[in-house]
Amino acid sequence: MPDAPLTRVTLLLRIRDAADTEAWKQFVELYGPVVYGWYRNRGLQDADACDLTQEVLQGVAQGASRLQYDPQRGTFRSWLFTIARRRMHDFLERRGRLPSSGEDTGQFQSLAAQPAADEEAEWERSYQQQLFSLAAAHVETCVEPATWQAFWRTAVEGQPGQKVAEQLQMTIGSVYVAKSRVMARLKQWIEEVQGDE
């Protein structure tokens, strides 16, 4: 993603233009791994998860010109989750792993109509992890290697500050300053990407 990432709302507006390759690149970088990871966590094979992810992204591309973002009607991620969930249901039905729509029991229809809370929570977790991964990849290129290592080892790996200070030949105060600065940059980058959420 570029130094000044598009806000989520701006990104949604820009993907309405199929020729806006930068917007689509950012969209796929952010949401492609979320969709793919969710399918893999649901037990699909790699090839099936890739195919379904492609179907979801193609569906968004086909409908993007008509996309009218209205936060009053729900979040974009919820809409995308619904599309991904429906594609998986259709896929499983085609493979004979679910009863066909005409054969659904009332209980299954009820389950299909309302996504399980754990599925939505997993979807949101996957999105947050992908957002962090992109932010980390960006911020890491903007700071000194020792600064990044001080942050990573203390904040992500959970190593004690004193141990990290010794390993990196820094003062413990410098380690915590580095951690704080990197966290501030990550937070700023994520806020810019999320925009008006």
N, C-alpha and C. Protein backbone atom coordinates (compact mmCIF):
# COMPACT_ATOMS: atom_id res chain seq x y z
N MET A 1 0.85 -1.17 0.00
CA MET A 1 0.00 0.00 0.00
C MET A 1 0.89 1.23 0.00
N PRO A 2 0.41 2.33 -0.55
CA PRO A 2 1.22 3.53 -0.64
C PRO A 2 1.40 4.19 0.71
N ASP A 3 2.29 5.22 0.74
CA ASP A 3 2.55 5.93 1.98
C ASP A 3 1.29 6.56 2.55
N ALA A 4 0.42 7.08 1.70
CA ALA A 4 -0.82 7.69 2.15
C ALA A 4 -1.97 6.79 1.70
N PRO A 5 -2.28 5.76 2.49
CA PRO A 5 -3.31 4.81 2.08
C PRO A 5 -4.67 5.48 1.96
N LEU A 6 -5.48 4.93 1.08
CA LEU A 6 -6.83 5.45 0.93
C LEU A 6 -7.64 5.10 2.16
N THR A 7 -8.50 6.02 2.58
CA THR A 7 -9.40 5.68 3.67
C THR A 7 -10.39 4.65 3.15
N ARG A 8 -10.98 3.92 4.05
CA ARG A 8 -11.89 2.86 3.63
C ARG A 8 -13.03 3.40 2.78
N VAL A 9 -13.64 4.51 3.19
CA VAL A 9 -14.76 5.07 2.43
C VAL A 9 -14.27 5.53 1.06
N THR A 10 -13.13 6.20 1.03
CA THR A 10 -12.57 6.65 -0.24
C THR A 10 -12.27 5.45 -1.14
N LEU A 11 -11.73 4.41 -0.55
CA LEU A 11 -11.43 3.20 -1.31
C LEU A 11 -12.70 2.62 -1.91
N LEU A 12 -13.76 2.56 -1.13
CA LEU A 12 -15.03 2.01 -1.63
C LEU A 12 -15.59 2.85 -2.77
N LEU A 13 -15.41 4.15 -2.68
CA LEU A 13 -15.87 5.01 -3.77
C LEU A 13 -15.02 4.82 -5.02
N ARG A 14 -13.73 4.66 -4.82
CA ARG A 14 -12.83 4.54 -5.97
C ARG A 14 -12.94 3.21 -6.69
N ILE A 15 -13.27 2.13 -5.98
CA ILE A 15 -13.36 0.84 -6.67
C ILE A 15 -14.58 0.77 -7.59
N ARG A 16 -15.44 1.77 -7.51
CA ARG A 16 -16.56 1.82 -8.46
C ARG A 16 -16.05 2.02 -9.87
N ASP A 17 -14.85 2.56 -10.00
CA ASP A 17 -14.21 2.73 -11.31
C ASP A 17 -13.32 1.52 -11.55
N ALA A 18 -13.73 0.64 -12.44
CA ALA A 18 -12.98 -0.59 -12.70
C ALA A 18 -11.57 -0.32 -13.21
N ALA A 19 -11.34 0.86 -13.77
CA ALA A 19 -10.02 1.20 -14.31
C ALA A 19 -9.06 1.74 -13.25
N ASP A 20 -9.54 1.97 -12.04
CA ASP A 20 -8.69 2.51 -10.98
C ASP A 20 -7.87 1.37 -10.38
N THR A 21 -6.77 1.05 -11.03
CA THR A 21 -5.98 -0.11 -10.63
C THR A 21 -5.36 0.04 -9.25
N GLU A 22 -4.99 1.25 -8.86
CA GLU A 22 -4.40 1.45 -7.53
C GLU A 22 -5.43 1.15 -6.44
N ALA A 23 -6.66 1.61 -6.63
CA ALA A 23 -7.71 1.33 -5.65
C ALA A 23 -7.98 -0.17 -5.57
N TRP A 24 -8.04 -0.83 -6.72
CA TRP A 24 -8.30 -2.26 -6.72
C TRP A 24 -7.15 -3.04 -6.11
N LYS A 25 -5.93 -2.58 -6.35
CA LYS A 25 -4.77 -3.24 -5.75
C LYS A 25 -4.87 -3.16 -4.23
N GLN A 26 -5.20 -1.99 -3.71
CA GLN A 26 -5.33 -1.83 -2.26
C GLN A 26 -6.49 -2.66 -1.72
N PHE A 27 -7.58 -2.67 -2.45
CA PHE A 27 -8.74 -3.45 -2.02
C PHE A 27 -8.39 -4.93 -1.90
N VAL A 28 -7.74 -5.46 -2.94
CA VAL A 28 -7.38 -6.88 -2.95
C VAL A 28 -6.35 -7.18 -1.87
N GLU A 29 -5.38 -6.28 -1.65
CA GLU A 29 -4.37 -6.49 -0.60
C GLU A 29 -5.01 -6.56 0.78
N LEU A 30 -6.03 -5.75 0.99
CA LEU A 30 -6.68 -5.72 2.30
C LEU A 30 -7.69 -6.84 2.48
N TYR A 31 -8.58 -7.00 1.53
CA TYR A 31 -9.70 -7.92 1.72
C TYR A 31 -9.47 -9.33 1.17
N GLY A 32 -8.61 -9.49 0.17
CA GLY A 32 -8.35 -10.82 -0.38
C GLY A 32 -7.90 -11.81 0.67
N PRO A 33 -6.87 -11.48 1.47
CA PRO A 33 -6.42 -12.42 2.51
C PRO A 33 -7.47 -12.66 3.60
N VAL A 34 -8.33 -11.69 3.84
CA VAL A 34 -9.39 -11.87 4.84
C VAL A 34 -10.36 -12.94 4.36
N VAL A 35 -10.79 -12.82 3.10
CA VAL A 35 -11.74 -13.78 2.54
C VAL A 35 -11.08 -15.17 2.47
N TYR A 36 -9.88 -15.21 1.92
CA TYR A 36 -9.17 -16.49 1.78
C TYR A 36 -8.97 -17.16 3.15
N GLY A 37 -8.49 -16.40 4.11
CA GLY A 37 -8.23 -16.94 5.45
C GLY A 37 -9.50 -17.46 6.11
N TRP A 38 -10.60 -16.76 5.89
CA TRP A 38 -11.86 -17.20 6.48
C TRP A 38 -12.28 -18.55 5.88
N TYR A 39 -12.12 -18.68 4.56
CA TYR A 39 -12.45 -19.96 3.92
C TYR A 39 -11.55 -21.09 4.43
N ARG A 40 -10.27 -20.83 4.57
CA ARG A 40 -9.35 -21.85 5.06
C ARG A 40 -9.72 -22.25 6.50
N ASN A 41 -10.07 -21.25 7.31
CA ASN A 41 -10.47 -21.54 8.69
C ASN A 41 -11.77 -22.32 8.76
N ARG A 42 -12.56 -22.27 7.72
CA ARG A 42 -13.81 -23.02 7.65
C ARG A 42 -13.54 -24.44 7.15
N GLY A 43 -12.28 -24.78 6.86
CA GLY A 43 -11.93 -26.14 6.47
C GLY A 43 -11.80 -26.39 4.98
N LEU A 44 -11.88 -25.36 4.16
CA LEU A 44 -11.76 -25.57 2.72
C LEU A 44 -10.29 -25.78 2.34
N GLN A 45 -10.08 -26.58 1.31
CA GLN A 45 -8.74 -26.80 0.77
C GLN A 45 -8.23 -25.49 0.16
N ASP A 46 -6.91 -25.40 0.01
CA ASP A 46 -6.28 -24.20 -0.55
C ASP A 46 -6.88 -23.82 -1.91
N ALA A 47 -6.98 -24.78 -2.82
CA ALA A 47 -7.48 -24.48 -4.17
C ALA A 47 -8.93 -23.99 -4.12
N ASP A 48 -9.75 -24.62 -3.29
CA ASP A 48 -11.15 -24.20 -3.17
C ASP A 48 -11.25 -22.81 -2.55
N ALA A 49 -10.43 -22.56 -1.53
CA ALA A 49 -10.43 -21.23 -0.90
C ALA A 49 -10.00 -20.17 -1.90
N CYS A 50 -8.99 -20.48 -2.71
CA CYS A 50 -8.54 -19.53 -3.74
C CYS A 50 -9.64 -19.26 -4.76
N ASP A 51 -10.30 -20.33 -5.22
CA ASP A 51 -11.37 -20.17 -6.20
C ASP A 51 -12.52 -19.33 -5.65
N LEU A 52 -12.93 -19.63 -4.43
CA LEU A 52 -14.04 -18.88 -3.84
C LEU A 52 -13.65 -17.43 -3.56
N THR A 53 -12.41 -17.20 -3.15
CA THR A 53 -11.95 -15.83 -2.93
C THR A 53 -12.03 -15.07 -4.24
N GLN A 54 -11.59 -15.71 -5.32
CA GLN A 54 -11.65 -15.08 -6.64
C GLN A 54 -13.10 -14.77 -7.01
N GLU A 55 -14.01 -15.70 -6.74
CA GLU A 55 -15.43 -15.47 -7.03
C GLU A 55 -15.97 -14.27 -6.26
N VAL A 56 -15.61 -14.18 -4.98
CA VAL A 56 -16.08 -13.06 -4.16
C VAL A 56 -15.55 -11.75 -4.71
N LEU A 57 -14.25 -11.70 -5.01
CA LEU A 57 -13.66 -10.46 -5.52
C LEU A 57 -14.25 -10.09 -6.88
N GLN A 58 -14.51 -11.09 -7.72
CA GLN A 58 -15.16 -10.82 -9.01
C GLN A 58 -16.58 -10.30 -8.80
N GLY A 59 -17.28 -10.86 -7.84
CA GLY A 59 -18.62 -10.39 -7.53
C GLY A 59 -18.62 -8.94 -7.07
N VAL A 60 -17.66 -8.59 -6.24
CA VAL A 60 -17.54 -7.19 -5.80
C VAL A 60 -17.22 -6.31 -6.99
N ALA A 61 -16.31 -6.76 -7.86
CA ALA A 61 -15.93 -5.97 -9.04
C ALA A 61 -17.14 -5.74 -9.94
N GLN A 62 -17.95 -6.77 -10.12
CA GLN A 62 -19.12 -6.65 -10.98
C GLN A 62 -20.18 -5.72 -10.38
N GLY A 63 -20.28 -5.71 -9.06
CA GLY A 63 -21.29 -4.88 -8.41
C GLY A 63 -20.78 -3.53 -7.93
N ALA A 64 -19.48 -3.30 -8.06
CA ALA A 64 -18.88 -2.08 -7.49
C ALA A 64 -19.42 -0.81 -8.11
N SER A 65 -19.73 -0.82 -9.40
CA SER A 65 -20.22 0.41 -10.04
C SER A 65 -21.57 0.84 -9.46
N ARG A 66 -22.30 -0.12 -8.90
CA ARG A 66 -23.60 0.19 -8.29
C ARG A 66 -23.50 0.39 -6.78
N LEU A 67 -22.30 0.21 -6.25
CA LEU A 67 -22.09 0.30 -4.81
C LEU A 67 -22.40 1.69 -4.29
N GLN A 68 -23.31 1.77 -3.36
CA GLN A 68 -23.68 3.03 -2.72
C GLN A 68 -23.46 2.83 -1.22
N TYR A 69 -22.30 3.26 -0.75
CA TYR A 69 -21.98 3.02 0.65
C TYR A 69 -22.85 3.89 1.54
N ASP A 70 -23.57 3.24 2.44
CA ASP A 70 -24.42 3.94 3.40
C ASP A 70 -24.24 3.26 4.76
N PRO A 71 -23.48 3.90 5.66
CA PRO A 71 -23.21 3.25 6.95
C PRO A 71 -24.48 2.98 7.76
N GLN A 72 -25.57 3.66 7.45
CA GLN A 72 -26.84 3.41 8.13
C GLN A 72 -27.39 2.02 7.79
N ARG A 73 -27.03 1.51 6.61
CA ARG A 73 -27.54 0.22 6.18
C ARG A 73 -26.63 -0.93 6.60
N GLY A 74 -25.52 -0.63 7.22
CA GLY A 74 -24.60 -1.68 7.66
C GLY A 74 -23.19 -1.40 7.17
N THR A 75 -22.26 -2.17 7.67
CA THR A 75 -20.87 -1.94 7.30
C THR A 75 -20.53 -2.69 6.02
N PHE A 76 -19.53 -2.19 5.35
CA PHE A 76 -19.05 -2.86 4.14
C PHE A 76 -18.56 -4.26 4.46
N ARG A 77 -17.82 -4.41 5.56
CA ARG A 77 -17.30 -5.73 5.92
C ARG A 77 -18.42 -6.73 6.17
N SER A 78 -19.53 -6.28 6.73
CA SER A 78 -20.67 -7.18 6.94
C SER A 78 -21.24 -7.63 5.60
N TRP A 79 -21.32 -6.69 4.66
CA TRP A 79 -21.82 -7.01 3.32
C TRP A 79 -20.88 -8.02 2.65
N LEU A 80 -19.58 -7.78 2.75
CA LEU A 80 -18.60 -8.68 2.15
C LEU A 80 -18.66 -10.05 2.83
N PHE A 81 -18.83 -10.07 4.14
CA PHE A 81 -18.97 -11.32 4.88
C PHE A 81 -20.18 -12.10 4.36
N THR A 82 -21.28 -11.41 4.14
CA THR A 82 -22.49 -12.06 3.64
C THR A 82 -22.24 -12.68 2.27
N ILE A 83 -21.55 -11.96 1.40
CA ILE A 83 -21.23 -12.49 0.08
C ILE A 83 -20.36 -13.74 0.21
N ALA A 84 -19.32 -13.65 1.03
CA ALA A 84 -18.40 -14.78 1.21
C ALA A 84 -19.13 -15.99 1.78
N ARG A 85 -20.00 -15.75 2.72
CA ARG A 85 -20.73 -16.84 3.36
C ARG A 85 -21.69 -17.51 2.36
N ARG A 86 -22.35 -16.69 1.54
CA ARG A 86 -23.27 -17.24 0.53
C ARG A 86 -22.51 -18.06 -0.51
N ARG A 87 -21.34 -17.55 -0.92
CA ARG A 87 -20.53 -18.29 -1.91
C ARG A 87 -20.11 -19.64 -1.34
N MET A 88 -19.75 -19.67 -0.06
CA MET A 88 -19.36 -20.94 0.55
C MET A 88 -20.56 -21.88 0.62
N HIS A 89 -21.70 -21.35 0.99
CA HIS A 89 -22.91 -22.18 1.05
C HIS A 89 -23.20 -22.77 -0.33
N ASP A 90 -23.14 -21.94 -1.37
CA ASP A 90 -23.38 -22.42 -2.74
C ASP A 90 -22.36 -23.48 -3.14
N PHE A 91 -21.11 -23.25 -2.78
CA PHE A 91 -20.04 -24.19 -3.10
C PHE A 91 -20.29 -25.54 -2.42
N LEU A 92 -20.61 -25.50 -1.13
CA LEU A 92 -20.86 -26.75 -0.40
C LEU A 92 -22.09 -27.46 -0.93
N GLU A 93 -23.09 -26.69 -1.32
CA GLU A 93 -24.29 -27.29 -1.89
C GLU A 93 -23.96 -27.98 -3.21
N ARG A 94 -23.16 -27.32 -4.06
CA ARG A 94 -22.76 -27.92 -5.35
C ARG A 94 -21.96 -29.20 -5.13
N ARG A 95 -21.16 -29.24 -4.10
CA ARG A 95 -20.33 -30.41 -3.82
C ARG A 95 -21.10 -31.50 -3.09
N GLY A 96 -22.35 -31.25 -2.80
CA GLY A 96 -23.15 -32.25 -2.12
C GLY A 96 -22.87 -32.36 -0.64
N ARG A 97 -22.22 -31.34 -0.08
CA ARG A 97 -21.91 -31.37 1.35
C ARG A 97 -22.99 -30.68 2.16
N LEU A 98 -23.99 -30.11 1.48
CA LEU A 98 -25.16 -29.53 2.13
C LEU A 98 -26.37 -29.98 1.35
N PRO A 99 -27.53 -30.01 1.98
CA PRO A 99 -28.73 -30.30 1.21
C PRO A 99 -28.99 -29.16 0.24
N SER A 100 -29.58 -29.46 -0.92
CA SER A 100 -29.88 -28.39 -1.88
C SER A 100 -30.92 -27.46 -1.27
N SER A 101 -31.03 -26.27 -1.83
CA SER A 101 -31.94 -25.26 -1.28
C SER A 101 -33.36 -25.79 -1.17
N GLY A 102 -33.76 -26.61 -2.13
CA GLY A 102 -35.11 -27.16 -2.09
C GLY A 102 -35.30 -28.20 -1.00
N GLU A 103 -34.22 -28.74 -0.47
CA GLU A 103 -34.30 -29.79 0.53
C GLU A 103 -33.94 -29.31 1.93
N ASP A 104 -33.66 -28.03 2.10
CA ASP A 104 -33.25 -27.53 3.40
C ASP A 104 -34.32 -27.76 4.45
N THR A 105 -33.88 -28.15 5.61
CA THR A 105 -34.81 -28.25 6.72
C THR A 105 -35.02 -26.86 7.29
N GLY A 106 -36.04 -26.68 8.06
CA GLY A 106 -36.29 -25.38 8.70
C GLY A 106 -35.14 -24.97 9.60
N GLN A 107 -34.57 -25.95 10.29
CA GLN A 107 -33.45 -25.66 11.18
C GLN A 107 -32.25 -25.15 10.38
N PHE A 108 -31.94 -25.79 9.24
CA PHE A 108 -30.80 -25.35 8.45
C PHE A 108 -31.06 -23.96 7.87
N GLN A 109 -32.29 -23.70 7.41
CA GLN A 109 -32.60 -22.38 6.87
C GLN A 109 -32.40 -21.31 7.93
N SER A 110 -32.79 -21.62 9.14
CA SER A 110 -32.61 -20.66 10.23
C SER A 110 -31.13 -20.39 10.47
N LEU A 111 -30.31 -21.45 10.47
CA LEU A 111 -28.87 -21.28 10.66
C LEU A 111 -28.25 -20.50 9.50
N ALA A 112 -28.69 -20.78 8.29
CA ALA A 112 -28.12 -20.11 7.12
C ALA A 112 -28.51 -18.64 7.08
N ALA A 113 -29.69 -18.32 7.57
CA ALA A 113 -30.16 -16.94 7.52
C ALA A 113 -29.41 -16.03 8.48
N GLN A 114 -28.98 -16.57 9.59
CA GLN A 114 -28.29 -15.75 10.60
C GLN A 114 -26.90 -16.30 10.83
N PRO A 115 -25.88 -15.53 10.38
CA PRO A 115 -24.52 -16.01 10.58
C PRO A 115 -24.21 -16.23 12.05
N ALA A 116 -23.48 -17.28 12.32
CA ALA A 116 -23.09 -17.57 13.70
C ALA A 116 -22.19 -16.45 14.20
N ALA A 117 -22.39 -16.11 15.46
CA ALA A 117 -21.60 -15.02 16.05
C ALA A 117 -20.11 -15.33 15.98
N ASP A 118 -19.75 -16.60 16.16
CA ASP A 118 -18.33 -16.92 16.11
C ASP A 118 -17.76 -16.75 14.70
N GLU A 119 -18.56 -16.99 13.66
CA GLU A 119 -18.10 -16.77 12.29
C GLU A 119 -17.83 -15.29 12.06
N GLU A 120 -18.74 -14.44 12.50
CA GLU A 120 -18.55 -13.00 12.32
C GLU A 120 -17.37 -12.50 13.13
N ALA A 121 -17.21 -13.02 14.34
CA ALA A 121 -16.08 -12.63 15.17
C ALA A 121 -14.77 -13.07 14.52
N GLU A 122 -14.76 -14.26 13.95
CA GLU A 122 -13.57 -14.75 13.25
C GLU A 122 -13.27 -13.89 12.03
N TRP A 123 -14.31 -13.50 11.30
CA TRP A 123 -14.17 -12.63 10.14
C TRP A 123 -13.53 -11.30 10.56
N GLU A 124 -14.03 -10.72 11.62
CA GLU A 124 -13.51 -9.44 12.10
C GLU A 124 -12.06 -9.59 12.57
N ARG A 125 -11.77 -10.69 13.26
CA ARG A 125 -10.39 -10.94 13.70
C ARG A 125 -9.45 -11.05 12.51
N SER A 126 -9.90 -11.74 11.49
CA SER A 126 -9.09 -11.90 10.28
C SER A 126 -8.83 -10.55 9.62
N TYR A 127 -9.85 -9.71 9.59
CA TYR A 127 -9.68 -8.36 9.03
C TYR A 127 -8.67 -7.56 9.84
N GLN A 128 -8.80 -7.59 11.15
CA GLN A 128 -7.89 -6.83 12.01
C GLN A 128 -6.45 -7.34 11.87
N GLN A 129 -6.28 -8.65 11.75
CA GLN A 129 -4.94 -9.21 11.57
C GLN A 129 -4.34 -8.76 10.24
N GLN A 130 -5.15 -8.77 9.19
CA GLN A 130 -4.65 -8.33 7.89
C GLN A 130 -4.31 -6.85 7.91
N LEU A 131 -5.13 -6.07 8.56
CA LEU A 131 -4.87 -4.64 8.68
C LEU A 131 -3.56 -4.41 9.42
N PHE A 132 -3.34 -5.16 10.50
CA PHE A 132 -2.08 -5.03 11.24
C PHE A 132 -0.90 -5.46 10.37
N SER A 133 -1.04 -6.55 9.63
CA SER A 133 0.05 -7.01 8.77
C SER A 133 0.45 -5.96 7.74
N LEU A 134 -0.55 -5.33 7.13
CA LEU A 134 -0.25 -4.28 6.14
C LEU A 134 0.38 -3.07 6.81
N ALA A 135 -0.15 -2.69 7.96
CA ALA A 135 0.42 -1.55 8.69
C ALA A 135 1.86 -1.85 9.09
N ALA A 136 2.10 -3.05 9.59
CA ALA A 136 3.45 -3.42 10.02
C ALA A 136 4.42 -3.40 8.84
N ALA A 137 3.98 -3.93 7.70
CA ALA A 137 4.85 -3.93 6.51
C ALA A 137 5.20 -2.51 6.09
N HIS A 138 4.23 -1.61 6.20
CA HIS A 138 4.48 -0.21 5.84
C HIS A 138 5.40 0.47 6.85
N VAL A 139 5.05 0.38 8.12
CA VAL A 139 5.80 1.10 9.15
C VAL A 139 7.23 0.57 9.28
N GLU A 140 7.42 -0.72 9.11
CA GLU A 140 8.77 -1.29 9.22
C GLU A 140 9.74 -0.62 8.25
N THR A 141 9.24 -0.23 7.08
CA THR A 141 10.12 0.41 6.09
C THR A 141 10.41 1.87 6.44
N CYS A 142 9.69 2.41 7.40
CA CYS A 142 9.83 3.83 7.75
C CYS A 142 10.69 4.08 8.99
N VAL A 143 11.13 3.03 9.65
CA VAL A 143 11.90 3.20 10.88
C VAL A 143 13.22 2.43 10.78
N GLU A 144 14.13 2.77 11.65
CA GLU A 144 15.42 2.08 11.70
C GLU A 144 15.21 0.62 12.12
N PRO A 145 16.05 -0.28 11.62
CA PRO A 145 15.90 -1.70 11.98
C PRO A 145 15.91 -1.95 13.50
N ALA A 146 16.76 -1.26 14.24
CA ALA A 146 16.81 -1.47 15.69
C ALA A 146 15.51 -1.00 16.35
N THR A 147 14.95 0.08 15.84
CA THR A 147 13.68 0.59 16.37
C THR A 147 12.58 -0.44 16.14
N TRP A 148 12.54 -0.98 14.92
CA TRP A 148 11.54 -1.99 14.61
C TRP A 148 11.72 -3.22 15.48
N GLN A 149 12.95 -3.69 15.64
CA GLN A 149 13.22 -4.87 16.45
C GLN A 149 12.83 -4.65 17.91
N ALA A 150 13.10 -3.45 18.42
CA ALA A 150 12.72 -3.15 19.80
C ALA A 150 11.21 -3.25 19.96
N PHE A 151 10.48 -2.69 19.01
CA PHE A 151 9.01 -2.78 19.04
C PHE A 151 8.57 -4.24 18.93
N TRP A 152 9.03 -4.92 17.89
CA TRP A 152 8.56 -6.27 17.59
C TRP A 152 8.82 -7.23 18.75
N ARG A 153 10.02 -7.17 19.27
CA ARG A 153 10.38 -8.12 20.33
C ARG A 153 9.60 -7.87 21.62
N THR A 154 9.34 -6.59 21.93
CA THR A 154 8.61 -6.31 23.18
C THR A 154 7.10 -6.41 22.99
N ALA A 155 6.57 -5.79 21.94
CA ALA A 155 5.12 -5.72 21.76
C ALA A 155 4.52 -6.99 21.18
N VAL A 156 5.18 -7.59 20.21
CA VAL A 156 4.61 -8.75 19.53
C VAL A 156 5.07 -10.06 20.16
N GLU A 157 6.38 -10.17 20.37
CA GLU A 157 6.90 -11.42 20.94
C GLU A 157 6.80 -11.46 22.46
N GLY A 158 6.58 -10.31 23.09
CA GLY A 158 6.41 -10.26 24.54
C GLY A 158 7.69 -10.43 25.34
N GLN A 159 8.82 -10.17 24.73
CA GLN A 159 10.09 -10.29 25.46
C GLN A 159 10.22 -9.13 26.45
N PRO A 160 10.88 -9.36 27.56
CA PRO A 160 11.09 -8.28 28.54
C PRO A 160 11.97 -7.17 27.95
N GLY A 161 11.63 -5.93 28.30
CA GLY A 161 12.36 -4.77 27.80
C GLY A 161 13.85 -4.83 28.10
N GLN A 162 14.20 -5.28 29.29
CA GLN A 162 15.62 -5.34 29.68
C GLN A 162 16.38 -6.31 28.78
N LYS A 163 15.79 -7.46 28.51
CA LYS A 163 16.43 -8.46 27.65
C LYS A 163 16.64 -7.90 26.24
N VAL A 164 15.61 -7.23 25.71
CA VAL A 164 15.69 -6.64 24.37
C VAL A 164 16.75 -5.55 24.34
N ALA A 165 16.79 -4.74 25.39
CA ALA A 165 17.79 -3.67 25.46
C ALA A 165 19.20 -4.26 25.39
N GLU A 166 19.43 -5.32 26.12
CA GLU A 166 20.74 -5.97 26.10
C GLU A 166 21.06 -6.54 24.72
N GLN A 167 20.08 -7.21 24.12
CA GLN A 167 20.30 -7.83 22.81
C GLN A 167 20.59 -6.79 21.73
N LEU A 168 19.91 -5.66 21.79
CA LEU A 168 20.06 -4.62 20.76
C LEU A 168 21.07 -3.55 21.14
N GLN A 169 21.68 -3.72 22.31
CA GLN A 169 22.65 -2.75 22.82
C GLN A 169 22.04 -1.34 22.87
N MET A 170 20.87 -1.28 23.48
CA MET A 170 20.15 -0.02 23.67
C MET A 170 19.88 0.13 25.17
N THR A 171 19.54 1.34 25.58
CA THR A 171 19.08 1.50 26.95
C THR A 171 17.64 1.02 27.02
N ILE A 172 17.21 0.66 28.20
CA ILE A 172 15.82 0.20 28.34
C ILE A 172 14.85 1.33 27.99
N GLY A 173 15.22 2.56 28.33
CA GLY A 173 14.39 3.70 27.97
C GLY A 173 14.25 3.84 26.46
N SER A 174 15.33 3.63 25.73
CA SER A 174 15.29 3.71 24.26
C SER A 174 14.40 2.62 23.67
N VAL A 175 14.40 1.46 24.29
CA VAL A 175 13.55 0.37 23.82
C VAL A 175 12.08 0.78 23.95
N TYR A 176 11.71 1.33 25.10
CA TYR A 176 10.31 1.70 25.30
C TYR A 176 9.90 2.91 24.46
N VAL A 177 10.83 3.83 24.21
CA VAL A 177 10.54 4.95 23.31
C VAL A 177 10.32 4.42 21.90
N ALA A 178 11.17 3.50 21.46
CA ALA A 178 11.03 2.91 20.13
C ALA A 178 9.68 2.19 20.01
N LYS A 179 9.34 1.42 21.01
CA LYS A 179 8.07 0.70 21.00
C LYS A 179 6.90 1.68 20.90
N SER A 180 6.95 2.73 21.68
CA SER A 180 5.88 3.72 21.69
C SER A 180 5.75 4.42 20.34
N ARG A 181 6.87 4.79 19.75
CA ARG A 181 6.84 5.49 18.45
C ARG A 181 6.29 4.59 17.34
N VAL A 182 6.72 3.35 17.33
CA VAL A 182 6.22 2.43 16.31
C VAL A 182 4.72 2.19 16.50
N MET A 183 4.30 2.02 17.74
CA MET A 183 2.87 1.81 18.00
C MET A 183 2.06 3.02 17.54
N ALA A 184 2.58 4.22 17.76
CA ALA A 184 1.89 5.43 17.33
C ALA A 184 1.78 5.47 15.81
N ARG A 185 2.83 5.09 15.11
CA ARG A 185 2.78 5.07 13.64
C ARG A 185 1.81 4.01 13.13
N LEU A 186 1.81 2.86 13.75
CA LEU A 186 0.86 1.81 13.36
C LEU A 186 -0.57 2.29 13.55
N LYS A 187 -0.83 2.90 14.69
CA LYS A 187 -2.18 3.40 14.98
C LYS A 187 -2.59 4.45 13.96
N GLN A 188 -1.68 5.37 13.64
CA GLN A 188 -1.99 6.42 12.67
C GLN A 188 -2.29 5.81 11.30
N TRP A 189 -1.49 4.86 10.86
CA TRP A 189 -1.69 4.24 9.56
C TRP A 189 -3.04 3.53 9.51
N ILE A 190 -3.35 2.79 10.56
CA ILE A 190 -4.62 2.06 10.60
C ILE A 190 -5.80 3.03 10.62
N GLU A 191 -5.71 4.10 11.38
CA GLU A 191 -6.79 5.09 11.40
C GLU A 191 -6.99 5.71 10.03
N GLU A 192 -5.91 5.96 9.29
CA GLU A 192 -6.04 6.52 7.95
C GLU A 192 -6.73 5.54 7.02
N VAL A 193 -6.41 4.26 7.14
CA VAL A 193 -7.02 3.26 6.28
C VAL A 193 -8.49 3.08 6.62
N GLN A 194 -8.81 3.07 7.90
CA GLN A 194 -10.20 2.83 8.30
C GLN A 194 -11.08 4.05 8.09
N GLY A 195 -10.50 5.21 8.07
CA GLY A 195 -11.28 6.41 7.78
C GLY A 195 -12.44 6.63 8.71
N ASP A 196 -13.63 6.69 8.13
CA ASP A 196 -14.84 7.08 8.85
C ASP A 196 -15.54 5.94 9.59
N GLU A 197 -14.93 4.80 9.72
CA GLU A 197 -15.62 3.64 10.32
C GLU A 197 -16.19 3.94 11.67
